[in-house]
Amino acid sequence: MDVIFNLLFTSPMGLLSLFAILFMIGMAIYLVSWYKRKMNDPDE
């Protein structure tokens, strides 16, 4: 397990993968909150 974390946090490819994973999680949280807000809006 240490080898995986070492590759993830030290190599350029690992850092890009980590950024992509975090970006997708953040985008999913944003979209879910946006959709919920749009569903609860009675004007649209």
PDB file of N, CA and C in Angstrom:
ATOM      1  N   MET A   1       0.822  -1.194   0.000  1.00  0.00           N
ATOM      2  CA  MET A   1       0.000   0.000   0.000  1.00  0.00           C
ATOM      3  C   MET A   1       0.870   1.265   0.000  1.00  0.00           C
ATOM      4  N   ASP A   2       2.033   1.185   0.633  1.00  0.00           N
ATOM      5  CA  ASP A   2       2.923   2.348   0.652  1.00  0.00           C
ATOM      6  C   ASP A   2       3.423   2.685  -0.749  1.00  0.00           C
ATOM      7  N   VAL A   3       3.631   1.672  -1.567  1.00  0.00           N
ATOM      8  CA  VAL A   3       4.112   1.904  -2.926  1.00  0.00           C
ATOM      9  C   VAL A   3       3.062   2.664  -3.730  1.00  0.00           C
ATOM     10  N   ILE A   4       1.792   2.307  -3.533  1.00  0.00           N
ATOM     11  CA  ILE A   4       0.714   2.975  -4.268  1.00  0.00           C
ATOM     12  C   ILE A   4       0.636   4.446  -3.874  1.00  0.00           C
ATOM     13  N   PHE A   5       0.663   4.722  -2.572  1.00  0.00           N
ATOM     14  CA  PHE A   5       0.590   6.113  -2.127  1.00  0.00           C
ATOM     15  C   PHE A   5       1.833   6.888  -2.529  1.00  0.00           C
ATOM     16  N   ASN A   6       2.974   6.223  -2.532  1.00  0.00           N
ATOM     17  CA  ASN A   6       4.217   6.881  -2.954  1.00  0.00           C
ATOM     18  C   ASN A   6       4.123   7.283  -4.417  1.00  0.00           C
ATOM     19  N   LEU A   7       3.619   6.392  -5.261  1.00  0.00           N
ATOM     20  CA  LEU A   7       3.454   6.726  -6.678  1.00  0.00           C
ATOM     21  C   LEU A   7       2.402   7.813  -6.879  1.00  0.00           C
ATOM     22  N   LEU A   8       1.329   7.744  -6.104  1.00  0.00           N
ATOM     23  CA  LEU A   8       0.237   8.698  -6.259  1.00  0.00           C
ATOM     24  C   LEU A   8       0.666  10.113  -5.891  1.00  0.00           C
ATOM     25  N   PHE A   9       1.460  10.263  -4.847  1.00  0.00           N
ATOM     26  CA  PHE A   9       1.798  11.600  -4.354  1.00  0.00           C
ATOM     27  C   PHE A   9       3.127  12.147  -4.861  1.00  0.00           C
ATOM     28  N   THR A  10       3.959  11.302  -5.469  1.00  0.00           N
ATOM     29  CA  THR A  10       5.275  11.806  -5.870  1.00  0.00           C
ATOM     30  C   THR A  10       5.469  11.872  -7.380  1.00  0.00           C
ATOM     31  N   SER A  11       4.883  10.979  -8.136  1.00  0.00           N
ATOM     32  CA  SER A  11       5.112  11.001  -9.581  1.00  0.00           C
ATOM     33  C   SER A  11       4.174  11.998 -10.247  1.00  0.00           C
ATOM     34  N   PRO A  12       4.592  12.576 -11.356  1.00  0.00           N
ATOM     35  CA  PRO A  12       3.724  13.531 -12.062  1.00  0.00           C
ATOM     36  C   PRO A  12       2.411  12.894 -12.541  1.00  0.00           C
ATOM     37  N   MET A  13       2.476  11.656 -13.002  1.00  0.00           N
ATOM     38  CA  MET A  13       1.267  10.978 -13.453  1.00  0.00           C
ATOM     39  C   MET A  13       0.330  10.717 -12.279  1.00  0.00           C
ATOM     40  N   GLY A  14       0.874  10.385 -11.136  1.00  0.00           N
ATOM     41  CA  GLY A  14       0.058  10.166  -9.947  1.00  0.00           C
ATOM     42  C   GLY A  14      -0.617  11.447  -9.490  1.00  0.00           C
ATOM     43  N   LEU A  15       0.103  12.553  -9.550  1.00  0.00           N
ATOM     44  CA  LEU A  15      -0.485  13.834  -9.142  1.00  0.00           C
ATOM     45  C   LEU A  15      -1.590  14.264 -10.101  1.00  0.00           C
ATOM     46  N   LEU A  16      -1.406  14.012 -11.404  1.00  0.00           N
ATOM     47  CA  LEU A  16      -2.461  14.317 -12.365  1.00  0.00           C
ATOM     48  C   LEU A  16      -3.693  13.443 -12.119  1.00  0.00           C
ATOM     49  N   SER A  17      -3.466  12.180 -11.799  1.00  0.00           N
ATOM     50  CA  SER A  17      -4.580  11.282 -11.498  1.00  0.00           C
ATOM     51  C   SER A  17      -5.310  11.741 -10.247  1.00  0.00           C
ATOM     52  N   LEU A  18      -4.566  12.128  -9.229  1.00  0.00           N
ATOM     53  CA  LEU A  18      -5.182  12.607  -7.993  1.00  0.00           C
ATOM     54  C   LEU A  18      -5.989  13.873  -8.249  1.00  0.00           C
ATOM     55  N   PHE A  19      -5.453  14.787  -9.038  1.00  0.00           N
ATOM     56  CA  PHE A  19      -6.175  16.001  -9.387  1.00  0.00           C
ATOM     57  C   PHE A  19      -7.456  15.678 -10.143  1.00  0.00           C
ATOM     58  N   ALA A  20      -7.374  14.735 -11.080  1.00  0.00           N
ATOM     59  CA  ALA A  20      -8.551  14.363 -11.865  1.00  0.00           C
ATOM     60  C   ALA A  20      -9.628  13.740 -10.981  1.00  0.00           C
ATOM     61  N   ILE A  21      -9.233  12.887 -10.058  1.00  0.00           N
ATOM     62  CA  ILE A  21     -10.187  12.255  -9.149  1.00  0.00           C
ATOM     63  C   ILE A  21     -10.855  13.304  -8.275  1.00  0.00           C
ATOM     64  N   LEU A  22     -10.071  14.196  -7.700  1.00  0.00           N
ATOM     65  CA  LEU A  22     -10.631  15.244  -6.834  1.00  0.00           C
ATOM     66  C   LEU A  22     -11.517  16.200  -7.622  1.00  0.00           C
ATOM     67  N   PHE A  23     -11.126  16.504  -8.848  1.00  0.00           N
ATOM     68  CA  PHE A  23     -11.932  17.387  -9.692  1.00  0.00           C
ATOM     69  C   PHE A  23     -13.283  16.752 -10.002  1.00  0.00           C
ATOM     70  N   MET A  24     -13.291  15.460 -10.322  1.00  0.00           N
ATOM     71  CA  MET A  24     -14.550  14.783 -10.632  1.00  0.00           C
ATOM     72  C   MET A  24     -15.468  14.699  -9.416  1.00  0.00           C
ATOM     73  N   ILE A  25     -14.902  14.462  -8.245  1.00  0.00           N
ATOM     74  CA  ILE A  25     -15.708  14.420  -7.026  1.00  0.00           C
ATOM     75  C   ILE A  25     -16.295  15.798  -6.742  1.00  0.00           C
ATOM     76  N   GLY A  26     -15.485  16.846  -6.895  1.00  0.00           N
ATOM     77  CA  GLY A  26     -15.967  18.212  -6.686  1.00  0.00           C
ATOM     78  C   GLY A  26     -17.043  18.593  -7.686  1.00  0.00           C
ATOM     79  N   MET A  27     -16.865  18.207  -8.939  1.00  0.00           N
ATOM     80  CA  MET A  27     -17.859  18.497  -9.965  1.00  0.00           C
ATOM     81  C   MET A  27     -19.163  17.764  -9.673  1.00  0.00           C
ATOM     82  N   ALA A  28     -19.082  16.532  -9.209  1.00  0.00           N
ATOM     83  CA  ALA A  28     -20.288  15.769  -8.880  1.00  0.00           C
ATOM     84  C   ALA A  28     -21.047  16.422  -7.729  1.00  0.00           C
ATOM     85  N   ILE A  29     -20.328  16.885  -6.708  1.00  0.00           N
ATOM     86  CA  ILE A  29     -20.975  17.556  -5.573  1.00  0.00           C
ATOM     87  C   ILE A  29     -21.650  18.843  -6.039  1.00  0.00           C
ATOM     88  N   TYR A  30     -20.960  19.602  -6.883  1.00  0.00           N
ATOM     89  CA  TYR A  30     -21.540  20.841  -7.404  1.00  0.00           C
ATOM     90  C   TYR A  30     -22.786  20.566  -8.230  1.00  0.00           C
ATOM     91  N   LEU A  31     -22.731  19.590  -9.128  1.00  0.00           N
ATOM     92  CA  LEU A  31     -23.867  19.309  -9.992  1.00  0.00           C
ATOM     93  C   LEU A  31     -25.071  18.793  -9.210  1.00  0.00           C
ATOM     94  N   VAL A  32     -24.840  17.950  -8.216  1.00  0.00           N
ATOM     95  CA  VAL A  32     -25.950  17.454  -7.400  1.00  0.00           C
ATOM     96  C   VAL A  32     -26.617  18.607  -6.667  1.00  0.00           C
ATOM     97  N   SER A  33     -25.828  19.506  -6.089  1.00  0.00           N
ATOM     98  CA  SER A  33     -26.426  20.642  -5.382  1.00  0.00           C
ATOM     99  C   SER A  33     -27.148  21.570  -6.352  1.00  0.00           C
ATOM    100  N   TRP A  34     -26.613  21.741  -7.559  1.00  0.00           N
ATOM    101  CA  TRP A  34     -27.255  22.604  -8.560  1.00  0.00           C
ATOM    102  C   TRP A  34     -28.574  22.010  -9.032  1.00  0.00           C
ATOM    103  N   TYR A  35     -28.569  20.689  -9.287  1.00  0.00           N
ATOM    104  CA  TYR A  35     -29.809  20.024  -9.715  1.00  0.00           C
ATOM    105  C   TYR A  35     -30.872  20.077  -8.629  1.00  0.00           C
ATOM    106  N   LYS A  36     -30.473  19.875  -7.385  1.00  0.00           N
ATOM    107  CA  LYS A  36     -31.445  19.942  -6.287  1.00  0.00           C
ATOM    108  C   LYS A  36     -32.043  21.340  -6.181  1.00  0.00           C
ATOM    109  N   ARG A  37     -31.202  22.350  -6.347  1.00  0.00           N
ATOM    110  CA  ARG A  37     -31.690  23.725  -6.274  1.00  0.00           C
ATOM    111  C   ARG A  37     -32.647  24.008  -7.425  1.00  0.00           C
ATOM    112  N   LYS A  38     -32.332  23.499  -8.626  1.00  0.00           N
ATOM    113  CA  LYS A  38     -33.212  23.717  -9.780  1.00  0.00           C
ATOM    114  C   LYS A  38     -34.529  22.963  -9.639  1.00  0.00           C
ATOM    115  N   MET A  39     -34.510  21.774  -9.046  1.00  0.00           N
ATOM    116  CA  MET A  39     -35.739  20.996  -8.873  1.00  0.00           C
ATOM    117  C   MET A  39     -36.682  21.653  -7.869  1.00  0.00           C
ATOM    118  N   ASN A  40     -36.117  22.322  -6.872  1.00  0.00           N
ATOM    119  CA  ASN A  40     -36.933  22.946  -5.843  1.00  0.00           C
ATOM    120  C   ASN A  40     -37.389  24.344  -6.223  1.00  0.00           C
ATOM    121  N   ASP A  41     -36.936  24.860  -7.349  1.00  0.00           N
ATOM    122  CA  ASP A  41     -37.311  26.211  -7.791  1.00  0.00           C
ATOM    123  C   ASP A  41     -38.662  26.151  -8.509  1.00  0.00           C
ATOM    124  N   PRO A  42     -39.703  26.766  -7.961  1.00  0.00           N
ATOM    125  CA  PRO A  42     -41.038  26.660  -8.583  1.00  0.00           C
ATOM    126  C   PRO A  42     -41.202  27.514  -9.842  1.00  0.00           C
ATOM    127  N   ASP A  43     -40.316  28.476 -10.072  1.00  0.00           N
ATOM    128  CA  ASP A  43     -40.445  29.377 -11.218  1.00  0.00           C
ATOM    129  C   ASP A  43     -40.142  28.687 -12.539  1.00  0.00           C
ATOM    130  N   GLU A  44     -39.303  27.689 -12.532  1.00  0.00           N
ATOM    131  CA  GLU A  44     -38.895  27.068 -13.797  1.00  0.00           C
ATOM    132  C   GLU A  44     -39.584  25.753 -14.034  1.00  0.00           C
TER     133      GLU A  44
END
